[in-house]
Amino acid sequence: MSEKHSARMKKLAIDEKIDNWGARDLAGIITVPFSICAAAGLALALLGRPLGYFLLLAAVGQGMIMFSLLLPKIKAISLEYETKQEEYEKFVEEIARWK
C-alpha cells in the first residue's frame, strides 16, 4: 500500500513541476520569436547582406539559450512518459503470459 502511495506522490510532484510555469518557461516562450531570425538571416546572408549574418548569429545564440531553458521541462515530461511506458509494458506482459 505504501509503495502505491509513494508512487502516486511522485507522480503528483512531477505533475506539479510540469504544470507550474515559471520564469524559465516564460523566457523560453519569449525567445521563440527569435527563431524567425534564422529564416530571415539565412535569406539575407544568401543575398550577401551584412544584416543576414548578424541575424543568423542572433538566432544561434537565442536557440542555445532557449534549449538550455526548456531542457529541464522536456526531461521531466520524458521521465514521466518512460515511467508510464514501463508500467504499461509490465501490464501487457502479465496479460500475454500463458496461465
Protein backbone atom coordinates (compact mmCIF):
# COMPACT_ATOMS: atom_id res chain seq x y z
CA MET A 1 0.00 0.00 0.00
CA SER A 2 2.77 2.43 0.88
CA GLU A 3 4.54 1.66 -2.40
CA LYS A 4 1.45 2.70 -4.36
CA HIS A 5 1.12 5.78 -2.18
CA SER A 6 4.73 6.82 -2.74
CA ALA A 7 4.39 6.25 -6.50
CA ARG A 8 1.27 8.41 -6.53
CA MET A 9 3.05 11.16 -4.56
CA LYS A 10 5.98 11.09 -7.02
CA LYS A 11 3.53 11.40 -9.91
CA LEU A 12 1.84 14.36 -8.25
CA ALA A 13 5.21 16.02 -7.67
CA ILE A 14 6.16 15.54 -11.32
CA ASP A 15 2.76 16.85 -12.46
CA GLU A 16 3.20 19.95 -10.30
CA LYS A 17 6.65 20.58 -11.78
CA ILE A 18 5.26 20.24 -15.30
CA ASP A 19 2.12 22.31 -14.72
CA ASN A 20 3.81 25.20 -12.90
CA TRP A 21 5.06 27.66 -15.47
CA GLY A 22 7.80 29.83 -14.10
CA ALA A 23 10.33 32.40 -15.25
CA ARG A 24 12.32 29.81 -17.20
CA ASP A 25 9.27 28.85 -19.24
CA LEU A 26 8.33 32.46 -19.86
CA ALA A 27 11.87 33.20 -21.02
CA GLY A 28 11.67 30.19 -23.33
CA ILE A 29 8.43 31.42 -24.84
CA ILE A 30 9.85 34.90 -25.32
CA THR A 31 12.91 33.56 -27.15
CA VAL A 32 10.83 31.55 -29.64
CA PRO A 33 10.23 34.51 -32.00
CA PHE A 34 13.97 34.86 -32.36
CA SER A 35 13.97 31.62 -34.33
CA ILE A 36 12.44 33.73 -37.09
CA CYS A 37 15.83 35.42 -37.18
CA ALA A 38 17.23 32.19 -38.56
CA ALA A 39 14.98 32.24 -41.61
CA ALA A 40 15.39 35.94 -42.29
CA GLY A 41 19.10 35.75 -41.52
CA LEU A 42 19.65 32.87 -43.91
CA ALA A 43 17.78 34.61 -46.71
CA LEU A 44 19.66 37.87 -46.21
CA ALA A 45 23.01 36.09 -45.79
CA LEU A 46 22.47 34.26 -49.08
CA LEU A 47 21.89 37.66 -50.66
CA GLY A 48 25.17 38.84 -49.17
CA ARG A 49 23.68 41.36 -46.74
CA PRO A 50 25.59 42.00 -43.50
CA LEU A 51 22.31 42.13 -41.57
CA GLY A 52 21.73 38.50 -42.54
CA TYR A 53 24.93 37.36 -40.85
CA PHE A 54 24.02 39.30 -37.73
CA LEU A 55 20.52 37.76 -37.66
CA LEU A 56 21.99 34.28 -38.08
CA LEU A 57 24.33 34.81 -35.15
CA ALA A 58 21.46 36.18 -33.06
CA ALA A 59 19.31 33.16 -33.95
CA VAL A 60 22.05 30.70 -32.98
CA GLY A 61 22.57 32.45 -29.64
CA GLN A 62 18.87 32.59 -28.89
CA GLY A 63 18.48 28.94 -29.88
CA MET A 64 21.16 27.93 -27.41
CA ILE A 65 19.51 29.98 -24.66
CA MET A 66 16.08 28.55 -25.46
CA PHE A 67 17.43 24.99 -25.41
CA SER A 68 19.06 25.48 -22.01
CA LEU A 69 15.86 26.97 -20.57
CA LEU A 70 13.44 24.34 -21.83
CA LEU A 71 15.58 21.22 -21.40
CA PRO A 72 14.64 20.59 -17.72
CA LYS A 73 10.91 20.65 -18.53
CA ILE A 74 11.39 18.34 -21.51
CA LYS A 75 13.36 15.90 -19.33
CA ALA A 76 10.60 15.88 -16.68
CA ILE A 77 7.94 15.11 -19.28
CA SER A 78 10.13 12.41 -20.82
CA LEU A 79 10.73 10.77 -17.44
CA GLU A 80 7.02 10.66 -16.73
CA TYR A 81 6.33 9.12 -20.15
CA GLU A 82 9.04 6.47 -19.67
CA THR A 83 7.56 5.54 -16.29
CA LYS A 84 4.08 5.14 -17.77
CA GLN A 85 5.50 3.12 -20.66
CA GLU A 86 7.29 0.72 -18.28
CA GLU A 87 4.09 0.21 -16.28
CA TYR A 88 2.13 -0.47 -19.47
CA GLU A 89 4.74 -2.94 -20.74
CA LYS A 90 4.57 -4.85 -17.44
CA PHE A 91 0.77 -4.86 -17.65
CA VAL A 92 0.80 -6.18 -21.23
CA GLU A 93 3.39 -8.82 -20.32
CA GLU A 94 1.21 -10.07 -17.47
CA ILE A 95 -1.81 -10.30 -19.75
CA ALA A 96 0.10 -12.01 -22.54
CA ARG A 97 1.52 -14.79 -20.31
CA TRP A 98 0.08 -18.25 -20.61
CA LYS A 99 -1.65 -19.32 -17.48
